[in-house]
């Protein structure tokens, strides 16, 4: 992944960190809809606001998009395919650390 780095470290402002693997059970199948609602709702993601999933290159965030849009029925969900590799290399866009 040598060509997929970013010049800056951090995250997009107001982002919530929910690693994609938290949405699956040990056998790789998806958790129940109730468990998924608890997972994402517990982080304030299911508030009715638009959701933009991102990761490093848009691959893992596609999994998150699927969970939110297809399994939980959230309608206003996008996958930022440029993800952090793009955002972290842009000039004059805000980032947060910590």
PDB file of N, CA and C in Angstrom:
ATOM      1  N   UNK A   1       0.814  -1.200   0.000  1.00  0.00           N
ATOM      2  CA  UNK A   1       0.000   0.000   0.000  1.00  0.00           C
ATOM      3  C   UNK A   1       0.854   1.259   0.000  1.00  0.00           C
ATOM      4  N   UNK A   2       2.017   1.194  -0.556  1.00  0.00           N
ATOM      5  CA  UNK A   2       2.927   2.334  -0.491  1.00  0.00           C
ATOM      6  C   UNK A   2       2.382   3.584  -1.163  1.00  0.00           C
ATOM      7  N   UNK A   3       1.506   3.467  -2.143  1.00  0.00           N
ATOM      8  CA  UNK A   3       0.963   4.634  -2.828  1.00  0.00           C
ATOM      9  C   UNK A   3      -0.365   5.089  -2.236  1.00  0.00           C
ATOM     10  N   UNK A   4      -0.725   4.578  -1.089  1.00  0.00           N
ATOM     11  CA  UNK A   4      -2.010   4.907  -0.493  1.00  0.00           C
ATOM     12  C   UNK A   4      -1.874   5.646   0.828  1.00  0.00           C
ATOM     13  N   UNK A   5      -0.759   6.308   1.029  1.00  0.00           N
ATOM     14  CA  UNK A   5      -0.540   7.044   2.263  1.00  0.00           C
ATOM     15  C   UNK A   5      -1.107   8.443   2.194  1.00  0.00           C
ATOM     16  N   UNK A   6      -1.123   9.105   3.327  1.00  0.00           N
ATOM     17  CA  UNK A   6      -1.588  10.485   3.404  1.00  0.00           C
ATOM     18  C   UNK A   6      -0.481  11.340   3.993  1.00  0.00           C
ATOM     19  N   UNK A   7      -0.456  12.598   3.595  1.00  0.00           N
ATOM     20  CA  UNK A   7       0.551  13.530   4.089  1.00  0.00           C
ATOM     21  C   UNK A   7       0.288  13.934   5.534  1.00  0.00           C
ATOM     22  N   UNK A   8      -0.961  13.853   5.947  1.00  0.00           N
ATOM     23  CA  UNK A   8      -1.319  14.267   7.298  1.00  0.00           C
ATOM     24  C   UNK A   8      -1.997  13.114   8.035  1.00  0.00           C
ATOM     25  N   UNK A   9      -1.884  13.140   9.343  1.00  0.00           N
ATOM     26  CA  UNK A   9      -2.535  12.134  10.184  1.00  0.00           C
ATOM     27  C   UNK A   9      -3.732  12.771  10.875  1.00  0.00           C
ATOM     28  N   UNK A  10      -4.692  11.958  11.229  1.00  0.00           N
ATOM     29  CA  UNK A  10      -5.856  12.447  11.950  1.00  0.00           C
ATOM     30  C   UNK A  10      -7.115  11.802  11.434  1.00  0.00           C
ATOM     31  N   UNK A  11      -8.223  12.533  11.569  1.00  0.00           N
ATOM     32  CA  UNK A  11      -9.498  12.042  11.049  1.00  0.00           C
ATOM     33  C   UNK A  11     -10.361  13.224  10.640  1.00  0.00           C
ATOM     34  N   UNK A  12     -11.381  12.940   9.872  1.00  0.00           N
ATOM     35  CA  UNK A  12     -12.306  13.971   9.416  1.00  0.00           C
ATOM     36  C   UNK A  12     -13.113  14.454  10.623  1.00  0.00           C
ATOM     37  N   UNK A  13     -13.290  15.779  10.768  1.00  0.00           N
ATOM     38  CA  UNK A  13     -14.036  16.298  11.919  1.00  0.00           C
ATOM     39  C   UNK A  13     -15.410  15.654  12.066  1.00  0.00           C
ATOM     40  N   UNK A  14     -15.770  15.395  13.319  1.00  0.00           N
ATOM     41  CA  UNK A  14     -17.040  14.784  13.739  1.00  0.00           C
ATOM     42  C   UNK A  14     -17.155  13.314  13.375  1.00  0.00           C
ATOM     43  N   UNK A  15     -16.085  12.716  12.863  1.00  0.00           N
ATOM     44  CA  UNK A  15     -16.127  11.288  12.506  1.00  0.00           C
ATOM     45  C   UNK A  15     -16.255  10.432  13.765  1.00  0.00           C
ATOM     46  N   UNK A  16     -16.938   9.327  13.620  1.00  0.00           N
ATOM     47  CA  UNK A  16     -17.065   8.326  14.686  1.00  0.00           C
ATOM     48  C   UNK A  16     -16.295   7.092  14.252  1.00  0.00           C
ATOM     49  N   UNK A  17     -15.465   6.573  15.112  1.00  0.00           N
ATOM     50  CA  UNK A  17     -14.681   5.386  14.777  1.00  0.00           C
ATOM     51  C   UNK A  17     -15.445   4.122  15.169  1.00  0.00           C
ATOM     52  N   UNK A  18     -15.863   3.378  14.142  1.00  0.00           N
ATOM     53  CA  UNK A  18     -16.526   2.093  14.351  1.00  0.00           C
ATOM     54  C   UNK A  18     -15.903   1.127  13.350  1.00  0.00           C
ATOM     55  N   UNK A  19     -14.857   0.414  13.758  1.00  0.00           N
ATOM     56  CA  UNK A  19     -14.210  -0.516  12.823  1.00  0.00           C
ATOM     57  C   UNK A  19     -15.215  -1.503  12.233  1.00  0.00           C
ATOM     58  N   UNK A  20     -15.088  -1.754  10.951  1.00  0.00           N
ATOM     59  CA  UNK A  20     -16.045  -2.614  10.232  1.00  0.00           C
ATOM     60  C   UNK A  20     -16.188  -3.982  10.877  1.00  0.00           C
ATOM     61  N   UNK A  21     -15.114  -4.517  11.432  1.00  0.00           N
ATOM     62  CA  UNK A  21     -15.139  -5.872  11.994  1.00  0.00           C
ATOM     63  C   UNK A  21     -16.057  -5.976  13.209  1.00  0.00           C
ATOM     64  N   UNK A  22     -16.427  -4.859  13.810  1.00  0.00           N
ATOM     65  CA  UNK A  22     -17.356  -4.904  14.941  1.00  0.00           C
ATOM     66  C   UNK A  22     -18.773  -5.263  14.502  1.00  0.00           C
ATOM     67  N   UNK A  23     -19.038  -5.215  13.201  1.00  0.00           N
ATOM     68  CA  UNK A  23     -20.376  -5.522  12.682  1.00  0.00           C
ATOM     69  C   UNK A  23     -20.571  -7.004  12.377  1.00  0.00           C
ATOM     70  N   UNK A  24     -19.525  -7.799  12.566  1.00  0.00           N
ATOM     71  CA  UNK A  24     -19.635  -9.225  12.251  1.00  0.00           C
ATOM     72  C   UNK A  24     -19.320 -10.080  13.479  1.00  0.00           C
ATOM     73  N   UNK A  25     -19.850 -11.296  13.440  1.00  0.00           N
ATOM     74  CA  UNK A  25     -19.568 -12.275  14.494  1.00  0.00           C
ATOM     75  C   UNK A  25     -18.245 -12.976  14.186  1.00  0.00           C
ATOM     76  N   UNK A  26     -17.796 -13.796  15.104  1.00  0.00           N
ATOM     77  CA  UNK A  26     -16.524 -14.508  14.924  1.00  0.00           C
ATOM     78  C   UNK A  26     -16.497 -15.369  13.675  1.00  0.00           C
ATOM     79  N   UNK A  27     -17.653 -15.872  13.257  1.00  0.00           N
ATOM     80  CA  UNK A  27     -17.683 -16.727  12.066  1.00  0.00           C
ATOM     81  C   UNK A  27     -17.759 -15.926  10.765  1.00  0.00           C
ATOM     82  N   UNK A  28     -17.730 -14.589  10.869  1.00  0.00           N
ATOM     83  CA  UNK A  28     -17.721 -13.733   9.687  1.00  0.00           C
ATOM     84  C   UNK A  28     -19.091 -13.318   9.192  1.00  0.00           C
ATOM     85  N   UNK A  29     -20.153 -13.834   9.802  1.00  0.00           N
ATOM     86  CA  UNK A  29     -21.500 -13.425   9.401  1.00  0.00           C
ATOM     87  C   UNK A  29     -21.886 -12.150  10.152  1.00  0.00           C
ATOM     88  N   UNK A  30     -22.841 -11.433   9.592  1.00  0.00           N
ATOM     89  CA  UNK A  30     -23.259 -10.186  10.215  1.00  0.00           C
ATOM     90  C   UNK A  30     -23.964 -10.436  11.538  1.00  0.00           C
ATOM     91  N   UNK A  31     -23.784  -9.506  12.468  1.00  0.00           N
ATOM     92  CA  UNK A  31     -24.516  -9.541  13.725  1.00  0.00           C
ATOM     93  C   UNK A  31     -25.989  -9.273  13.435  1.00  0.00           C
ATOM     94  N   UNK A  32     -26.824  -9.517  14.418  1.00  0.00           N
ATOM     95  CA  UNK A  32     -28.261  -9.288  14.251  1.00  0.00           C
ATOM     96  C   UNK A  32     -28.527  -7.794  14.048  1.00  0.00           C
ATOM     97  N   UNK A  33     -29.675  -7.493  13.460  1.00  0.00           N
ATOM     98  CA  UNK A  33     -30.051  -6.096  13.245  1.00  0.00           C
ATOM     99  C   UNK A  33     -30.108  -5.338  14.569  1.00  0.00           C
ATOM    100  N   UNK A  34     -30.604  -5.971  15.622  1.00  0.00           N
ATOM    101  CA  UNK A  34     -30.650  -5.312  16.929  1.00  0.00           C
ATOM    102  C   UNK A  34     -29.252  -4.994  17.435  1.00  0.00           C
ATOM    103  N   UNK A  35     -28.329  -5.949  17.301  1.00  0.00           N
ATOM    104  CA  UNK A  35     -26.950  -5.706  17.733  1.00  0.00           C
ATOM    105  C   UNK A  35     -26.300  -4.599  16.907  1.00  0.00           C
ATOM    106  N   UNK A  36     -26.584  -4.581  15.611  1.00  0.00           N
ATOM    107  CA  UNK A  36     -26.021  -3.540  14.747  1.00  0.00           C
ATOM    108  C   UNK A  36     -26.591  -2.174  15.105  1.00  0.00           C
ATOM    109  N   UNK A  37     -27.887  -2.109  15.388  1.00  0.00           N
ATOM    110  CA  UNK A  37     -28.485  -0.836  15.806  1.00  0.00           C
ATOM    111  C   UNK A  37     -27.858  -0.352  17.112  1.00  0.00           C
ATOM    112  N   UNK A  38     -27.609  -1.269  18.036  1.00  0.00           N
ATOM    113  CA  UNK A  38     -26.954  -0.900  19.292  1.00  0.00           C
ATOM    114  C   UNK A  38     -25.544  -0.380  19.032  1.00  0.00           C
ATOM    115  N   UNK A  39     -24.814  -1.056  18.151  1.00  0.00           N
ATOM    116  CA  UNK A  39     -23.440  -0.667  17.841  1.00  0.00           C
ATOM    117  C   UNK A  39     -23.382   0.738  17.252  1.00  0.00           C
ATOM    118  N   UNK A  40     -24.117   0.971  16.184  1.00  0.00           N
ATOM    119  CA  UNK A  40     -24.063   2.266  15.503  1.00  0.00           C
ATOM    120  C   UNK A  40     -24.848   3.341  16.247  1.00  0.00           C
ATOM    121  N   UNK A  41     -25.989   2.972  16.804  1.00  0.00           N
ATOM    122  CA  UNK A  41     -26.771   3.934  17.570  1.00  0.00           C
ATOM    123  C   UNK A  41     -26.041   4.399  18.818  1.00  0.00           C
ATOM    124  N   UNK A  42     -25.286   3.492  19.432  1.00  0.00           N
ATOM    125  CA  UNK A  42     -24.514   3.836  20.620  1.00  0.00           C
ATOM    126  C   UNK A  42     -23.437   4.872  20.366  1.00  0.00           C
ATOM    127  N   UNK A  43     -23.038   5.017  19.125  1.00  0.00           N
ATOM    128  CA  UNK A  43     -22.045   6.036  18.743  1.00  0.00           C
ATOM    129  C   UNK A  43     -22.711   7.272  18.142  1.00  0.00           C
ATOM    130  N   UNK A  44     -24.037   7.301  18.136  1.00  0.00           N
ATOM    131  CA  UNK A  44     -24.750   8.456  17.611  1.00  0.00           C
ATOM    132  C   UNK A  44     -24.845   8.507  16.100  1.00  0.00           C
ATOM    133  N   UNK A  45     -24.582   7.387  15.447  1.00  0.00           N
ATOM    134  CA  UNK A  45     -24.583   7.370  13.988  1.00  0.00           C
ATOM    135  C   UNK A  45     -26.000   7.284  13.426  1.00  0.00           C
ATOM    136  N   UNK A  46     -26.919   6.680  14.122  1.00  0.00           N
ATOM    137  CA  UNK A  46     -28.279   6.499  13.614  1.00  0.00           C
ATOM    138  C   UNK A  46     -29.192   7.630  14.075  1.00  0.00           C
ATOM    139  N   UNK A  47     -28.737   8.857  13.923  1.00  0.00           N
ATOM    140  CA  UNK A  47     -29.477  10.020  14.415  1.00  0.00           C
ATOM    141  C   UNK A  47     -30.408  10.624  13.378  1.00  0.00           C
ATOM    142  N   UNK A  48     -30.406  10.087  12.165  1.00  0.00           N
ATOM    143  CA  UNK A  48     -31.207  10.656  11.091  1.00  0.00           C
ATOM    144  C   UNK A  48     -30.437  11.621  10.214  1.00  0.00           C
ATOM    145  N   UNK A  49     -29.230  11.967  10.628  1.00  0.00           N
ATOM    146  CA  UNK A  49     -28.376  12.839   9.818  1.00  0.00           C
ATOM    147  C   UNK A  49     -27.750  12.042   8.681  1.00  0.00           C
ATOM    148  N   UNK A  50     -27.315  12.722   7.613  1.00  0.00           N
ATOM    149  CA  UNK A  50     -26.586  12.021   6.547  1.00  0.00           C
ATOM    150  C   UNK A  50     -25.339  11.347   7.114  1.00  0.00           C
ATOM    151  N   UNK A  51     -24.985  10.205   6.548  1.00  0.00           N
ATOM    152  CA  UNK A  51     -23.826   9.434   7.000  1.00  0.00           C
ATOM    153  C   UNK A  51     -22.873   9.269   5.825  1.00  0.00           C
ATOM    154  N   UNK A  52     -21.596   9.541   6.071  1.00  0.00           N
ATOM    155  CA  UNK A  52     -20.564   9.300   5.064  1.00  0.00           C
ATOM    156  C   UNK A  52     -19.529   8.379   5.695  1.00  0.00           C
ATOM    157  N   UNK A  53     -19.462   7.167   5.199  1.00  0.00           N
ATOM    158  CA  UNK A  53     -18.495   6.193   5.715  1.00  0.00           C
ATOM    159  C   UNK A  53     -17.167   6.379   4.990  1.00  0.00           C
ATOM    160  N   UNK A  54     -16.075   6.277   5.743  1.00  0.00           N
ATOM    161  CA  UNK A  54     -14.754   6.320   5.120  1.00  0.00           C
ATOM    162  C   UNK A  54     -13.792   5.469   5.917  1.00  0.00           C
ATOM    163  N   UNK A  55     -12.695   5.115   5.298  1.00  0.00           N
ATOM    164  CA  UNK A  55     -11.623   4.364   5.958  1.00  0.00           C
ATOM    165  C   UNK A  55     -10.308   4.902   5.403  1.00  0.00           C
ATOM    166  N   UNK A  56      -9.435   4.047   4.948  1.00  0.00           N
ATOM    167  CA  UNK A  56      -8.175   4.498   4.357  1.00  0.00           C
ATOM    168  C   UNK A  56      -8.302   4.663   2.853  1.00  0.00           C
ATOM    169  N   UNK A  57      -8.900   3.670   2.186  1.00  0.00           N
ATOM    170  CA  UNK A  57      -9.010   3.745   0.724  1.00  0.00           C
ATOM    171  C   UNK A  57     -10.433   3.495   0.220  1.00  0.00           C
ATOM    172  N   UNK A  58     -11.408   3.377   1.093  1.00  0.00           N
ATOM    173  CA  UNK A  58     -12.797   3.185   0.684  1.00  0.00           C
ATOM    174  C   UNK A  58     -13.256   1.745   0.617  1.00  0.00           C
ATOM    175  N   UNK A  59     -12.388   0.822   0.968  1.00  0.00           N
ATOM    176  CA  UNK A  59     -12.724  -0.604   0.888  1.00  0.00           C
ATOM    177  C   UNK A  59     -13.527  -1.060   2.108  1.00  0.00           C
ATOM    178  N   UNK A  60     -12.976  -0.851   3.291  1.00  0.00           N
ATOM    179  CA  UNK A  60     -13.674  -1.266   4.516  1.00  0.00           C
ATOM    180  C   UNK A  60     -14.929  -0.436   4.744  1.00  0.00           C
ATOM    181  N   UNK A  61     -14.889   0.819   4.317  1.00  0.00           N
ATOM    182  CA  UNK A  61     -16.075   1.667   4.479  1.00  0.00           C
ATOM    183  C   UNK A  61     -17.224   1.210   3.585  1.00  0.00           C
ATOM    184  N   UNK A  62     -16.926   0.502   2.499  1.00  0.00           N
ATOM    185  CA  UNK A  62     -17.991  -0.072   1.666  1.00  0.00           C
ATOM    186  C   UNK A  62     -18.770  -1.121   2.462  1.00  0.00           C
ATOM    187  N   UNK A  63     -18.081  -1.860   3.306  1.00  0.00           N
ATOM    188  CA  UNK A  63     -18.721  -2.829   4.201  1.00  0.00           C
ATOM    189  C   UNK A  63     -19.659  -2.094   5.156  1.00  0.00           C
ATOM    190  N   UNK A  64     -19.182  -0.991   5.710  1.00  0.00           N
ATOM    191  CA  UNK A  64     -20.001  -0.196   6.617  1.00  0.00           C
ATOM    192  C   UNK A  64     -21.210   0.376   5.888  1.00  0.00           C
ATOM    193  N   UNK A  65     -21.007   0.863   4.665  1.00  0.00           N
ATOM    194  CA  UNK A  65     -22.134   1.358   3.861  1.00  0.00           C
ATOM    195  C   UNK A  65     -23.186   0.260   3.714  1.00  0.00           C
ATOM    196  N   UNK A  66     -22.755  -0.954   3.391  1.00  0.00           N
ATOM    197  CA  UNK A  66     -23.692  -2.062   3.209  1.00  0.00           C
ATOM    198  C   UNK A  66     -24.492  -2.316   4.482  1.00  0.00           C
ATOM    199  N   UNK A  67     -23.818  -2.343   5.610  1.00  0.00           N
ATOM    200  CA  UNK A  67     -24.508  -2.583   6.883  1.00  0.00           C
ATOM    201  C   UNK A  67     -25.551  -1.499   7.131  1.00  0.00           C
ATOM    202  N   UNK A  68     -25.135  -0.242   7.001  1.00  0.00           N
ATOM    203  CA  UNK A  68     -26.042   0.860   7.307  1.00  0.00           C
ATOM    204  C   UNK A  68     -27.184   0.978   6.298  1.00  0.00           C
ATOM    205  N   UNK A  69     -26.866   0.894   5.030  1.00  0.00           N
ATOM    206  CA  UNK A  69     -27.875   1.110   3.990  1.00  0.00           C
ATOM    207  C   UNK A  69     -28.741  -0.120   3.741  1.00  0.00           C
ATOM    208  N   UNK A  70     -28.111  -1.248   3.557  1.00  0.00           N
ATOM    209  CA  UNK A  70     -28.850  -2.447   3.157  1.00  0.00           C
ATOM    210  C   UNK A  70     -29.417  -3.246   4.331  1.00  0.00           C
ATOM    211  N   UNK A  71     -28.692  -3.327   5.426  1.00  0.00           N
ATOM    212  CA  UNK A  71     -29.169  -4.123   6.562  1.00  0.00           C
ATOM    213  C   UNK A  71     -29.999  -3.313   7.550  1.00  0.00           C
ATOM    214  N   UNK A  72     -29.621  -2.049   7.762  1.00  0.00           N
ATOM    215  CA  UNK A  72     -30.343  -1.232   8.740  1.00  0.00           C
ATOM    216  C   UNK A  72     -31.304  -0.238   8.095  1.00  0.00           C
ATOM    217  N   UNK A  73     -31.284  -0.131   6.776  1.00  0.00           N
ATOM    218  CA  UNK A  73     -32.259   0.701   6.084  1.00  0.00           C
ATOM    219  C   UNK A  73     -32.025   2.194   6.133  1.00  0.00           C
ATOM    220  N   UNK A  74     -30.827   2.613   6.520  1.00  0.00           N
ATOM    221  CA  UNK A  74     -30.519   4.043   6.493  1.00  0.00           C
ATOM    222  C   UNK A  74     -30.478   4.496   5.036  1.00  0.00           C
ATOM    223  N   UNK A  75     -31.194   5.536   4.685  1.00  0.00           N
ATOM    224  CA  UNK A  75     -31.300   5.960   3.285  1.00  0.00           C
ATOM    225  C   UNK A  75     -30.211   6.936   2.867  1.00  0.00           C
ATOM    226  N   UNK A  76     -29.801   7.818   3.751  1.00  0.00           N
ATOM    227  CA  UNK A  76     -28.839   8.859   3.368  1.00  0.00           C
ATOM    228  C   UNK A  76     -27.431   8.461   3.805  1.00  0.00           C
ATOM    229  N   UNK A  77     -26.912   7.422   3.153  1.00  0.00           N
ATOM    230  CA  UNK A  77     -25.576   6.905   3.465  1.00  0.00           C
ATOM    231  C   UNK A  77     -24.743   6.933   2.191  1.00  0.00           C
ATOM    232  N   UNK A  78     -23.528   7.448   2.309  1.00  0.00           N
ATOM    233  CA  UNK A  78     -22.597   7.478   1.180  1.00  0.00           C
ATOM    234  C   UNK A  78     -21.302   6.796   1.603  1.00  0.00           C
ATOM    235  N   UNK A  79     -20.568   6.279   0.621  1.00  0.00           N
ATOM    236  CA  UNK A  79     -19.227   5.749   0.863  1.00  0.00           C
ATOM    237  C   UNK A  79     -18.239   6.701   0.202  1.00  0.00           C
ATOM    238  N   UNK A  80     -17.377   7.294   0.990  1.00  0.00           N
ATOM    239  CA  UNK A  80     -16.357   8.206   0.463  1.00  0.00           C
ATOM    240  C   UNK A  80     -15.220   7.348  -0.064  1.00  0.00           C
ATOM    241  N   UNK A  81     -15.237   7.097  -1.369  1.00  0.00           N
ATOM    242  CA  UNK A  81     -14.264   6.153  -1.929  1.00  0.00           C
ATOM    243  C   UNK A  81     -12.840   6.688  -1.910  1.00  0.00           C
ATOM    244  N   UNK A  82     -12.645   7.984  -1.873  1.00  0.00           N
ATOM    245  CA  UNK A  82     -11.293   8.537  -1.736  1.00  0.00           C
ATOM    246  C   UNK A  82     -10.755   8.364  -0.324  1.00  0.00           C
ATOM    247  N   UNK A  83     -11.668   8.355   0.620  1.00  0.00           N
ATOM    248  CA  UNK A  83     -11.392   8.130   2.034  1.00  0.00           C
ATOM    249  C   UNK A  83     -10.199   8.930   2.547  1.00  0.00           C
ATOM    250  N   UNK A  84      -9.513   8.421   3.577  1.00  0.00           N
ATOM    251  CA  UNK A  84      -8.447   9.200   4.200  1.00  0.00           C
ATOM    252  C   UNK A  84      -7.270   9.427   3.258  1.00  0.00           C
ATOM    253  N   UNK A  85      -7.025   8.523   2.338  1.00  0.00           N
ATOM    254  CA  UNK A  85      -5.913   8.718   1.410  1.00  0.00           C
ATOM    255  C   UNK A  85      -6.116  10.005   0.621  1.00  0.00           C
ATOM    256  N   UNK A  86      -7.325  10.311   0.247  1.00  0.00           N
ATOM    257  CA  UNK A  86      -7.599  11.570  -0.453  1.00  0.00           C
ATOM    258  C   UNK A  86      -7.657  12.736   0.525  1.00  0.00           C
ATOM    259  N   UNK A  87      -8.496  12.624   1.565  1.00  0.00           N
ATOM    260  CA  UNK A  87      -8.706  13.720   2.511  1.00  0.00           C
ATOM    261  C   UNK A  87      -7.393  14.138   3.176  1.00  0.00           C
ATOM    262  N   UNK A  88      -6.604  13.188   3.582  1.00  0.00           N
ATOM    263  CA  UNK A  88      -5.355  13.495   4.276  1.00  0.00           C
ATOM    264  C   UNK A  88      -4.302  14.146   3.400  1.00  0.00           C
ATOM    265  N   UNK A  89      -4.506  14.138   2.103  1.00  0.00           N
ATOM    266  CA  UNK A  89      -3.584  14.790   1.174  1.00  0.00           C
ATOM    267  C   UNK A  89      -4.124  16.107   0.621  1.00  0.00           C
ATOM    268  N   UNK A  90      -5.359  16.454   0.954  1.00  0.00           N
ATOM    269  CA  UNK A  90      -5.934  17.708   0.480  1.00  0.00           C
ATOM    270  C   UNK A  90      -5.384  18.881   1.289  1.00  0.00           C
ATOM    271  N   UNK A  91      -5.296  20.024   0.642  1.00  0.00           N
ATOM    272  CA  UNK A  91      -4.831  21.247   1.298  1.00  0.00           C
ATOM    273  C   UNK A  91      -6.054  22.029   1.761  1.00  0.00           C
ATOM    274  N   UNK A  92      -5.956  22.611   2.917  1.00  0.00           N
ATOM    275  CA  UNK A  92      -7.003  23.483   3.452  1.00  0.00           C
ATOM    276  C   UNK A  92      -8.320  22.779   3.758  1.00  0.00           C
ATOM    277  N   UNK A  93      -8.277  21.510   4.122  1.00  0.00           N
ATOM    278  CA  UNK A  93      -9.470  20.855   4.651  1.00  0.00           C
ATOM    279  C   UNK A  93      -9.213  20.570   6.128  1.00  0.00           C
ATOM    280  N   UNK A  94     -10.237  20.643   6.952  1.00  0.00           N
ATOM    281  CA  UNK A  94     -10.022  20.440   8.384  1.00  0.00           C
ATOM    282  C   UNK A  94      -9.732  18.982   8.727  1.00  0.00           C
ATOM    283  N   UNK A  95      -8.915  18.806   9.739  1.00  0.00           N
ATOM    284  CA  UNK A  95      -8.686  17.481  10.312  1.00  0.00           C
ATOM    285  C   UNK A  95      -8.706  17.618  11.827  1.00  0.00           C
ATOM    286  N   UNK A  96      -8.986  16.528  12.483  1.00  0.00           N
ATOM    287  CA  UNK A  96      -8.914  16.466  13.938  1.00  0.00           C
ATOM    288  C   UNK A  96      -7.954  15.362  14.320  1.00  0.00           C
ATOM    289  N   UNK A  97      -7.327  15.530  15.468  1.00  0.00           N
ATOM    290  CA  UNK A  97      -6.442  14.492  15.997  1.00  0.00           C
ATOM    291  C   UNK A  97      -6.938  14.108  17.376  1.00  0.00           C
ATOM    292  N   UNK A  98      -6.757  12.841  17.693  1.00  0.00           N
ATOM    293  CA  UNK A  98      -7.136  12.373  19.021  1.00  0.00           C
ATOM    294  C   UNK A  98      -8.423  11.625  19.055  1.00  0.00           C
TER     295      UNK A  98
END
